[in-house]
Amino acid sequence: MKFVDEVRIQVKAGDGGHGAVAFRREKYIDRGGPNGGDGGNGGSVIFQADPQLTTLLDYRYQQHHRAKSGEGGMGNDCNGRSAEDLVLRVPVGTLVRDEATGEVLADLNDPGQKMVVCKGGRGGLGNMNFATSTRQTPRFAQDGTPGEERTLRLELKLLADVGLLGFPNAGKSTLISIVSRARPKIANYPFTTLVPNLGLVQYKDGLSFVMADIPGIIEGASEGVGLGHQFLRHVERCKVLIHLLDMGTETEDREPLRDFDTLNTELRKYSEELSHKPQVVALNKLDLPHALERQESVTRELQRRGIAVFPISCATGLGMQPLLDAVAEVLFTGRTDKLHVEPPPAPRAEKKASAKAVKKAPAREAPVKKAAAKATKKSSAKKAPVKKAPAKKAPAKKTVAKKGAVKKAPAKKTAAKKAPVKKAPVKKAAAKKAPARKTATRTVRSSAGKASGAARRRRA
């Protein structure tokens, strides 16, 4: 069966039936009145997810789908019959998108899920619905409304828990054939897988998950190169991605680390969300001698980036159980501890080289520092005689300061002592002057007495 995951179809819902214009005409009944019935509703277009389908092949050759219209109304109060809905069954995971606007109309992820994408027209009313007391014979009816019509694009995104990524001929089909009952085509040439393959993996304790194998992705797949761009949508719904690195490739343009970086770049270009999904990195084809020679260098480089590596061999079954354990832990518990490792410390050789480089740097700068030291010494030696003059003045200043302090200190003390001594005699002198005044008065009086005595004598 051919795998088809994208088709373009045109759908149209049924139109509603027209209402009838009729009047009651019976024997012995005059003017029976209007009795036209209503029209029936048209059928809608419904998409339903069917788990039994795996491809959109049926819609590749039949691209026009139309629902039936409702019947018109009839006389004698008979309404028209409504048409049945048109149910289109699609695989689980189908995305229904409007071709004109690009709007997503339905995303059918669950089995049995239904979604109406085109609604049928409504039936018109007959003339019996328009009879009133003032308009007893309406001779008109209502027409049915037309159903919706759209051009749709159906995109199938497989619902898988785990997706396999890798370059062509990396061993993806061999891996899914070992862990599940899927039997894809396996051959020793690139692009053997042309369609996605699904396989049910039976894990421990009754747990199981679905694994999807998609065609190989090459550089430029996000821009439509190769088959990767056409099938990258099938891993968008996956919760975990297994990244297979081909360690046995012998072509010149292929190298495991380069393939790893190229594929992650294409995932980032196609969808930023897809690039952030947990990845389990597995080194495949380790049963080959030249693959073992690359293992150590590739493992060391990936661990330096903090990525855990799982060595496997799909041909011999080596390392299958640790790989499934890591996938199941991320899938059922959500923990990603096994997918990351701590980067190893720097090798001793690199440390010694860095230490030598650090030591050599000061050694080279030593002559510069010595020259600078000599220059500073010479400049200080030249400036030394200039500094001696203030050195001699310094003692002079100190002696002057000391002498001034010595002379001024006694002067202050003597002045302080003489002040009270001088004031005391002044007070005493003032006290002695009082008798001096008396003597003066006395002398005046005596002189006056003498003068008066002399005058008396003259008179006598």
Protein backbone atom coordinates (compact mmCIF):
# COMPACT_ATOMS: atom_id res chain seq x y z
CA MET A 1 0.00 0.00 0.00
CA LYS A 2 1.30 3.41 -0.95
CA PHE A 3 1.91 5.81 1.92
CA VAL A 4 0.31 9.24 1.43
CA ASP A 5 0.60 11.80 4.22
CA GLU A 6 -0.57 15.01 2.50
CA VAL A 7 -3.53 15.62 0.19
CA ARG A 8 -5.64 18.52 -1.01
CA ILE A 9 -9.42 18.01 -1.20
CA GLN A 10 -12.58 20.04 -1.73
CA VAL A 11 -15.62 19.49 0.48
CA LYS A 12 -19.10 21.00 0.47
CA ALA A 13 -21.94 20.62 2.92
CA GLY A 14 -25.51 20.05 1.77
CA ASP A 15 -27.94 22.90 1.14
CA GLY A 16 -31.10 23.33 3.13
CA GLY A 17 -34.46 22.45 1.54
CA HIS A 18 -36.89 25.21 0.49
CA GLY A 19 -40.12 25.79 2.30
CA ALA A 20 -43.38 24.93 0.47
CA VAL A 21 -46.24 27.24 -0.52
CA ALA A 22 -49.48 25.26 -0.32
CA PHE A 23 -53.11 25.67 0.78
CA ARG A 24 -55.58 23.19 2.14
CA ARG A 25 -58.04 22.08 -0.52
CA GLU A 26 -60.51 19.45 0.60
CA LYS A 27 -64.13 18.68 -0.10
CA TYR A 28 -66.56 20.51 2.09
CA ILE A 29 -63.72 22.63 3.54
CA ASP A 30 -63.77 26.12 2.19
CA ARG A 31 -60.66 28.25 2.59
CA GLY A 32 -58.65 25.77 4.58
CA GLY A 33 -55.66 28.13 4.84
CA PRO A 34 -51.93 27.69 4.18
CA ASN A 35 -50.37 24.34 4.96
CA GLY A 36 -46.90 24.41 3.28
CA GLY A 37 -44.21 22.52 5.24
CA ASP A 38 -40.61 23.42 6.07
CA GLY A 39 -37.55 22.26 4.17
CA GLY A 40 -35.03 19.82 5.65
CA ASN A 41 -31.50 20.67 6.78
CA GLY A 42 -28.52 19.83 4.61
CA GLY A 43 -25.86 17.35 5.71
CA SER A 44 -22.63 18.53 7.33
CA VAL A 45 -19.11 17.33 6.54
CA ILE A 46 -17.48 15.63 9.57
CA PHE A 47 -13.96 14.26 9.92
CA GLN A 48 -13.45 11.31 12.26
CA ALA A 49 -10.17 9.78 13.42
CA ASP A 50 -10.04 6.06 12.66
CA PRO A 51 -7.23 4.02 14.29
CA GLN A 52 -7.55 1.38 11.55
CA LEU A 53 -6.26 3.76 8.90
CA THR A 54 -2.60 4.59 8.41
CA THR A 55 -2.57 6.62 5.20
CA LEU A 56 -4.52 9.25 3.26
CA LEU A 57 -4.41 7.21 0.08
CA ASP A 58 -8.21 7.22 -0.32
CA TYR A 59 -8.27 10.99 -0.66
CA ARG A 60 -5.52 11.08 -3.26
CA TYR A 61 -7.82 9.76 -6.01
CA GLN A 62 -11.14 11.15 -4.74
CA GLN A 63 -10.70 14.81 -4.06
CA HIS A 64 -14.29 16.12 -4.19
CA HIS A 65 -16.68 15.28 -1.38
CA ARG A 66 -20.19 16.65 -1.15
CA ALA A 67 -22.89 16.04 1.42
CA LYS A 68 -26.53 15.64 0.43
CA SER A 69 -28.99 18.51 0.55
CA GLY A 70 -32.18 18.55 2.58
CA GLU A 71 -35.56 17.87 0.96
CA GLY A 72 -38.02 20.67 0.32
CA GLY A 73 -41.22 21.15 2.25
CA MET A 74 -44.57 19.72 1.02
CA GLY A 75 -48.23 20.48 1.39
CA ASN A 76 -50.53 19.18 4.08
CA ASP A 77 -48.07 20.43 6.72
CA CYS A 78 -45.36 17.98 5.65
CA ASN A 79 -41.76 18.97 6.34
CA GLY A 80 -38.88 17.87 4.14
CA ARG A 81 -36.40 15.23 5.35
CA SER A 82 -32.99 16.39 6.58
CA ALA A 83 -29.94 14.89 4.88
CA GLU A 84 -27.41 12.70 6.67
CA ASP A 85 -23.99 14.04 7.58
CA LEU A 86 -21.01 13.04 5.46
CA VAL A 87 -18.40 11.38 7.72
CA LEU A 88 -14.87 11.26 6.30
CA ARG A 89 -12.58 8.83 8.13
CA VAL A 90 -8.92 9.77 8.41
CA PRO A 91 -5.94 8.28 10.31
CA VAL A 92 -5.30 9.31 13.88
CA GLY A 93 -2.99 12.32 13.91
CA THR A 94 -4.46 14.05 10.86
CA LEU A 95 -4.33 17.82 10.75
CA VAL A 96 -7.14 19.54 8.82
CA ARG A 97 -6.07 22.94 7.53
CA ASP A 98 -7.88 25.54 5.44
CA GLU A 99 -6.04 25.92 2.15
CA ALA A 100 -6.99 29.57 1.65
CA THR A 101 -6.19 30.98 5.09
CA GLY A 102 -3.88 28.34 6.53
CA GLU A 103 -6.04 28.08 9.67
CA VAL A 104 -6.04 24.77 11.50
CA LEU A 105 -9.66 23.60 11.65
CA ALA A 106 -9.15 20.26 13.38
CA ASP A 107 -6.34 18.29 14.98
CA LEU A 108 -7.51 14.69 15.36
CA ASN A 109 -5.19 13.13 17.94
CA ASP A 110 -7.55 10.73 19.72
CA PRO A 111 -9.20 7.65 18.19
CA GLY A 112 -12.86 8.29 17.44
CA GLN A 113 -12.53 12.06 17.73
CA LYS A 114 -14.93 13.99 15.46
CA MET A 115 -14.89 17.51 14.13
CA VAL A 116 -17.37 19.37 11.92
CA VAL A 117 -15.49 21.33 9.26
CA CYS A 118 -18.41 22.31 6.99
CA LYS A 119 -21.85 22.88 8.40
CA GLY A 120 -24.94 22.03 6.34
CA GLY A 121 -27.52 24.59 5.29
CA ARG A 122 -30.70 25.19 7.26
CA GLY A 123 -34.10 24.35 5.74
CA GLY A 124 -36.50 27.16 4.82
CA LEU A 125 -39.89 27.78 6.46
CA GLY A 126 -43.14 26.99 4.66
CA ASN A 127 -45.95 29.49 4.17
CA MET A 128 -47.91 28.08 7.11
CA ASN A 129 -45.41 29.80 9.41
CA PHE A 130 -46.24 33.24 8.02
CA ALA A 131 -50.05 33.18 8.47
CA THR A 132 -51.40 35.90 10.75
CA SER A 133 -54.77 37.40 11.54
CA THR A 134 -54.23 40.14 9.01
CA ARG A 135 -52.39 37.98 6.46
CA GLN A 136 -54.34 34.77 6.27
CA THR A 137 -53.17 33.60 2.85
CA PRO A 138 -49.38 34.13 2.56
CA ARG A 139 -48.26 33.11 -0.89
CA PHE A 140 -44.52 32.96 -0.16
CA ALA A 141 -42.10 30.70 1.72
CA GLN A 142 -38.51 30.85 2.88
CA ASP A 143 -35.64 29.36 0.89
CA GLY A 144 -33.05 27.07 2.46
CA THR A 145 -29.54 28.39 3.16
CA PRO A 146 -26.59 26.97 1.20
CA GLY A 147 -24.07 24.72 2.91
CA GLU A 148 -20.44 25.69 3.54
CA GLU A 149 -17.79 24.88 0.95
CA ARG A 150 -14.04 24.79 1.54
CA THR A 151 -10.78 23.62 0.06
CA LEU A 152 -8.85 21.71 2.70
CA ARG A 153 -5.35 20.34 3.08
CA LEU A 154 -4.97 17.14 5.09
CA GLU A 155 -1.60 16.53 6.75
CA LEU A 156 -0.85 13.29 8.51
CA LYS A 157 1.48 13.42 11.52
CA LEU A 158 2.05 9.96 12.87
CA LEU A 159 1.41 9.53 16.56
CA ALA A 160 4.57 7.92 17.90
CA ASP A 161 6.23 8.16 21.31
CA VAL A 162 9.79 7.72 20.05
CA GLY A 163 11.25 8.94 16.76
CA LEU A 164 14.42 7.76 15.03
CA LEU A 165 16.70 10.39 13.52
CA GLY A 166 19.84 9.97 11.48
CA PHE A 167 21.48 10.31 8.12
CA PRO A 168 20.62 7.83 5.36
CA ASN A 169 21.93 4.31 5.95
CA ALA A 170 22.56 5.00 9.67
CA GLY A 171 20.71 1.85 10.79
CA LYS A 172 17.29 3.18 11.75
CA SER A 173 15.29 0.48 9.95
CA THR A 174 17.48 -2.24 11.44
CA LEU A 175 16.96 -0.85 14.93
CA ILE A 176 13.17 -0.75 14.68
CA SER A 177 13.13 -4.27 13.24
CA ILE A 178 15.08 -5.55 16.29
CA VAL A 179 13.07 -3.89 19.08
CA SER A 180 9.62 -4.34 17.46
CA ARG A 181 7.78 -6.50 14.95
CA ALA A 182 7.97 -3.92 12.20
CA ARG A 183 9.53 -5.24 9.00
CA PRO A 184 10.72 -2.29 6.90
CA LYS A 185 12.83 -2.70 3.81
CA ILE A 186 16.54 -2.92 4.71
CA ALA A 187 19.33 -2.58 2.16
CA ASN A 188 22.91 -1.35 2.02
CA TYR A 189 22.31 1.90 0.16
CA PRO A 190 21.03 5.36 1.14
CA PHE A 191 17.32 6.23 1.13
CA THR A 192 16.16 2.64 1.40
CA THR A 193 13.30 3.83 3.58
CA LEU A 194 10.95 5.97 1.52
CA VAL A 195 7.94 5.98 3.87
CA PRO A 196 7.68 6.18 7.68
CA ASN A 197 7.33 2.90 9.57
CA LEU A 198 5.70 2.39 12.94
CA GLY A 199 6.61 -0.35 15.38
CA LEU A 200 5.21 -1.30 18.81
CA VAL A 201 8.01 -1.89 21.33
CA GLN A 202 7.13 -4.21 24.22
CA TYR A 203 9.02 -3.04 27.29
CA LYS A 204 9.21 -4.45 30.82
CA ASP A 205 6.28 -4.82 33.24
CA GLY A 206 3.68 -4.67 30.48
CA LEU A 207 4.74 -1.21 29.31
CA SER A 208 4.95 -0.44 25.61
CA PHE A 209 5.52 2.49 23.31
CA VAL A 210 5.37 3.26 19.59
CA MET A 211 8.55 3.93 17.65
CA ALA A 212 8.60 5.74 14.29
CA ASP A 213 11.24 5.27 11.62
CA ILE A 214 11.38 8.10 9.09
CA PRO A 215 13.52 8.48 5.96
CA GLY A 216 17.05 9.77 6.38
CA ILE A 217 17.65 13.49 6.76
CA ILE A 218 20.49 15.25 4.95
CA GLU A 219 21.86 18.78 4.95
CA GLY A 220 19.29 21.23 3.61
CA ALA A 221 16.32 19.04 4.57
CA SER A 222 14.58 22.00 6.23
CA GLU A 223 14.59 23.73 2.83
CA GLY A 224 13.18 20.74 0.95
CA VAL A 225 16.37 18.87 0.01
CA GLY A 226 15.96 15.09 -0.05
CA LEU A 227 13.06 13.36 1.69
CA GLY A 228 13.61 14.73 5.18
CA HIS A 229 11.55 17.89 4.78
CA GLN A 230 8.56 15.85 3.64
CA PHE A 231 8.63 13.54 6.66
CA LEU A 232 9.99 15.75 9.45
CA ARG A 233 6.42 16.43 10.54
CA HIS A 234 6.11 12.83 11.71
CA VAL A 235 8.55 13.38 14.59
CA GLU A 236 6.91 16.61 15.80
CA ARG A 237 4.53 14.65 18.03
CA CYS A 238 7.26 12.38 19.44
CA LYS A 239 8.25 12.82 23.08
CA VAL A 240 11.74 11.34 22.75
CA LEU A 241 14.15 11.25 19.81
CA ILE A 242 16.85 8.62 19.25
CA HIS A 243 19.75 10.15 17.33
CA LEU A 244 21.73 7.47 15.53
CA LEU A 245 25.30 8.31 14.52
CA ASP A 246 26.83 6.19 11.76
CA MET A 247 30.28 5.24 13.07
CA GLY A 248 31.01 2.96 10.12
CA THR A 249 30.71 5.49 7.30
CA GLU A 250 33.71 5.62 4.96
CA THR A 251 32.75 8.53 2.70
CA GLU A 252 34.87 11.67 2.73
CA ASP A 253 32.00 14.10 3.34
CA ARG A 254 30.65 12.13 6.31
CA GLU A 255 31.96 12.31 9.85
CA PRO A 256 29.96 11.42 13.04
CA LEU A 257 30.37 14.73 14.84
CA ARG A 258 29.72 16.71 11.70
CA ASP A 259 26.57 14.66 11.05
CA PHE A 260 25.41 15.32 14.61
CA ASP A 261 25.79 19.10 14.30
CA THR A 262 24.26 19.19 10.81
CA LEU A 263 21.16 17.24 11.82
CA ASN A 264 20.54 19.39 14.89
CA THR A 265 20.86 22.50 12.75
CA GLU A 266 18.22 21.19 10.34
CA LEU A 267 15.88 20.39 13.22
CA ARG A 268 16.31 23.92 14.58
CA LYS A 269 15.57 25.45 11.19
CA TYR A 270 12.47 23.34 10.71
CA SER A 271 11.00 23.81 14.18
CA GLU A 272 12.45 25.39 17.32
CA GLU A 273 10.21 23.19 19.46
CA LEU A 274 11.47 20.06 17.72
CA SER A 275 15.10 20.94 18.44
CA HIS A 276 14.40 21.13 22.21
CA LYS A 277 13.01 17.60 22.51
CA PRO A 278 15.09 15.10 24.57
CA GLN A 279 17.62 13.23 22.43
CA VAL A 280 19.21 9.86 23.18
CA VAL A 281 22.51 9.76 21.27
CA ALA A 282 23.53 6.26 20.15
CA LEU A 283 26.75 5.30 18.36
CA ASN A 284 25.80 2.58 15.86
CA LYS A 285 27.80 -0.02 13.89
CA LEU A 286 30.41 -0.59 16.59
CA ASP A 287 30.87 -4.14 15.29
CA LEU A 288 33.09 -2.73 12.54
CA PRO A 289 36.85 -2.36 13.25
CA HIS A 290 37.24 1.19 11.95
CA ALA A 291 34.16 2.24 13.96
CA LEU A 292 35.86 1.22 17.20
CA GLU A 293 38.80 3.46 16.36
CA ARG A 294 36.51 6.52 16.18
CA GLN A 295 34.51 5.66 19.29
CA GLU A 296 36.91 7.09 21.86
CA SER A 297 37.37 10.48 20.18
CA VAL A 298 33.66 10.91 19.41
CA THR A 299 32.64 9.87 22.93
CA ARG A 300 35.14 12.25 24.50
CA GLU A 301 33.93 15.18 22.42
CA LEU A 302 30.23 14.54 23.15
CA GLN A 303 30.89 14.09 26.86
CA ARG A 304 32.78 17.37 26.82
CA ARG A 305 29.50 18.92 25.64
CA GLY A 306 27.65 17.20 28.51
CA ILE A 307 25.88 14.60 26.30
CA ALA A 308 25.67 10.96 27.36
CA VAL A 309 26.54 8.38 24.71
CA PHE A 310 25.11 4.86 24.27
CA PRO A 311 27.30 2.52 22.18
CA ILE A 312 25.19 -0.01 20.25
CA SER A 313 25.35 -2.37 17.32
CA CYS A 314 22.09 -3.11 15.53
CA ALA A 315 23.70 -6.02 13.69
CA THR A 316 24.72 -7.91 16.85
CA GLY A 317 22.26 -6.45 19.37
CA LEU A 318 24.99 -4.86 21.49
CA GLY A 319 23.77 -2.20 23.98
CA MET A 320 20.04 -2.48 23.12
CA GLN A 321 18.81 -2.86 26.70
CA PRO A 322 20.62 0.22 28.15
CA LEU A 323 19.33 2.24 25.21
CA LEU A 324 15.71 1.15 25.80
CA ASP A 325 16.07 1.76 29.54
CA ALA A 326 17.15 5.35 28.94
CA VAL A 327 14.30 5.91 26.46
CA ALA A 328 11.69 4.41 28.81
CA GLU A 329 12.89 6.51 31.76
CA VAL A 330 12.45 9.73 29.82
CA LEU A 331 9.16 8.59 28.30
CA PHE A 332 7.40 7.30 31.44
CA THR A 333 8.99 9.37 34.22
CA GLY A 334 10.12 12.54 32.43
CA ARG A 335 13.61 12.43 33.98
CA THR A 336 16.54 13.13 31.69
CA ASP A 337 19.38 12.36 34.09
CA LYS A 338 20.78 9.56 31.94
CA LEU A 339 20.97 11.79 28.89
CA HIS A 340 23.43 14.26 30.43
CA VAL A 341 26.86 13.85 32.00
CA GLU A 342 29.23 16.22 33.69
CA PRO A 343 32.00 17.42 31.35
CA PRO A 344 35.33 15.74 32.23
CA PRO A 345 38.16 17.87 33.68
CA ALA A 346 40.83 19.24 31.40
CA PRO A 347 43.67 16.77 30.63
CA ARG A 348 46.98 17.11 32.50
CA ALA A 349 48.86 17.90 29.32
CA GLU A 350 46.65 20.91 28.76
CA LYS A 351 47.07 21.99 32.38
CA LYS A 352 50.86 21.75 32.14
CA ALA A 353 50.89 23.68 28.90
CA SER A 354 48.73 26.39 30.44
CA ALA A 355 50.97 26.50 33.54
CA LYS A 356 54.07 26.84 31.37
CA ALA A 357 52.45 29.62 29.40
CA VAL A 358 51.64 31.43 32.64
CA LYS A 359 55.22 31.05 33.87
CA LYS A 360 56.74 32.17 30.61
CA ALA A 361 54.72 35.36 30.53
CA PRO A 362 56.32 36.86 33.69
CA ALA A 363 59.78 35.69 32.57
CA ARG A 364 59.46 37.71 29.40
CA GLU A 365 58.33 40.73 31.35
CA ALA A 366 61.23 40.48 33.87
CA PRO A 367 63.74 42.48 31.78
CA VAL A 368 61.19 45.21 31.37
CA LYS A 369 60.62 45.35 35.08
CA LYS A 370 64.39 45.36 35.77
CA ALA A 371 64.92 48.21 33.32
CA ALA A 372 62.13 50.12 34.98
CA ALA A 373 63.69 49.45 38.39
CA LYS A 374 67.08 50.70 37.15
CA ALA A 375 65.50 53.81 35.72
CA THR A 376 63.77 54.54 39.00
CA LYS A 377 67.03 54.01 40.89
CA LYS A 378 68.92 56.38 38.57
CA SER A 379 66.25 59.02 38.88
CA SER A 380 66.28 58.69 42.67
CA ALA A 381 70.09 58.86 42.72
CA LYS A 382 70.06 62.06 40.70
CA LYS A 383 67.42 63.67 42.86
CA ALA A 384 69.18 62.74 46.13
CA PRO A 385 71.42 65.91 46.36
CA VAL A 386 68.41 68.09 45.79
CA LYS A 387 66.64 66.46 48.72
CA LYS A 388 69.66 67.06 51.07
CA ALA A 389 69.10 70.85 51.31
CA PRO A 390 65.71 70.48 52.96
CA ALA A 391 67.24 67.77 55.10
CA LYS A 392 69.64 70.37 56.60
CA LYS A 393 66.86 72.89 57.03
CA ALA A 394 64.79 70.41 58.93
CA PRO A 395 67.03 70.52 62.04
CA ALA A 396 67.16 74.31 61.80
CA LYS A 397 63.43 74.45 61.85
CA LYS A 398 63.32 72.11 64.78
CA THR A 399 65.90 74.23 66.75
CA VAL A 400 64.11 77.40 65.92
CA ALA A 401 60.89 75.89 67.01
CA LYS A 402 62.50 74.61 70.18
CA LYS A 403 64.26 77.92 70.96
CA GLY A 404 61.14 79.92 70.36
CA ALA A 405 59.25 77.60 72.59
CA VAL A 406 61.93 77.82 75.28
CA LYS A 407 62.11 81.61 75.25
CA LYS A 408 58.41 82.17 75.09
CA ALA A 409 57.58 79.75 77.85
CA PRO A 410 59.57 81.54 80.61
CA ALA A 411 58.41 84.92 79.36
CA LYS A 412 54.84 83.90 79.81
CA LYS A 413 55.53 82.41 83.20
CA THR A 414 57.43 85.51 84.48
CA ALA A 415 54.77 87.79 83.15
CA ALA A 416 52.20 85.72 84.85
CA LYS A 417 54.19 85.79 88.09
CA LYS A 418 55.09 89.54 87.96
CA ALA A 419 51.54 90.60 87.32
CA PRO A 420 50.29 89.68 90.75
CA VAL A 421 53.52 90.92 92.39
CA LYS A 422 53.31 94.31 90.75
CA LYS A 423 49.60 94.66 91.46
CA ALA A 424 50.08 93.94 95.14
CA PRO A 425 52.56 96.80 95.72
CA VAL A 426 50.39 99.14 93.71
CA LYS A 427 47.54 98.45 96.06
CA LYS A 428 49.87 98.97 99.02
CA ALA A 429 51.23 102.15 97.50
CA ALA A 430 47.74 103.38 97.11
CA ALA A 431 47.15 102.54 100.70
CA LYS A 432 50.27 104.51 101.72
CA LYS A 433 49.24 107.50 99.65
CA ALA A 434 46.38 108.15 101.95
CA PRO A 435 48.71 109.33 104.70
CA ALA A 436 50.63 111.27 102.07
CA ARG A 437 47.48 113.22 101.40
CA LYS A 438 47.16 113.81 105.11
CA THR A 439 50.68 115.06 105.34
CA ALA A 440 50.04 117.31 102.42
CA THR A 441 47.05 118.79 104.17
CA ARG A 442 49.07 118.97 107.25
CA THR A 443 51.93 120.73 105.45
CA VAL A 444 49.48 123.07 103.89
CA ARG A 445 47.94 123.77 107.18
CA SER A 446 51.37 124.16 108.77
CA SER A 447 52.49 126.44 105.98
CA ALA A 448 49.31 128.39 106.36
CA GLY A 449 49.92 128.58 110.07
CA LYS A 450 53.40 129.72 109.50
CA ALA A 451 52.25 132.34 107.08
CA SER A 452 49.66 133.56 109.49
CA GLY A 453 52.29 133.62 112.28
CA ALA A 454 54.63 135.60 110.12
CA ALA A 455 51.86 138.02 109.34
CA ARG A 456 51.05 138.41 112.93
CA ARG A 457 54.64 139.06 113.67
CA ARG A 458 54.79 141.76 111.05
CA ARG A 459 51.80 143.39 112.45
CA ALA A 460 53.33 143.35 115.82
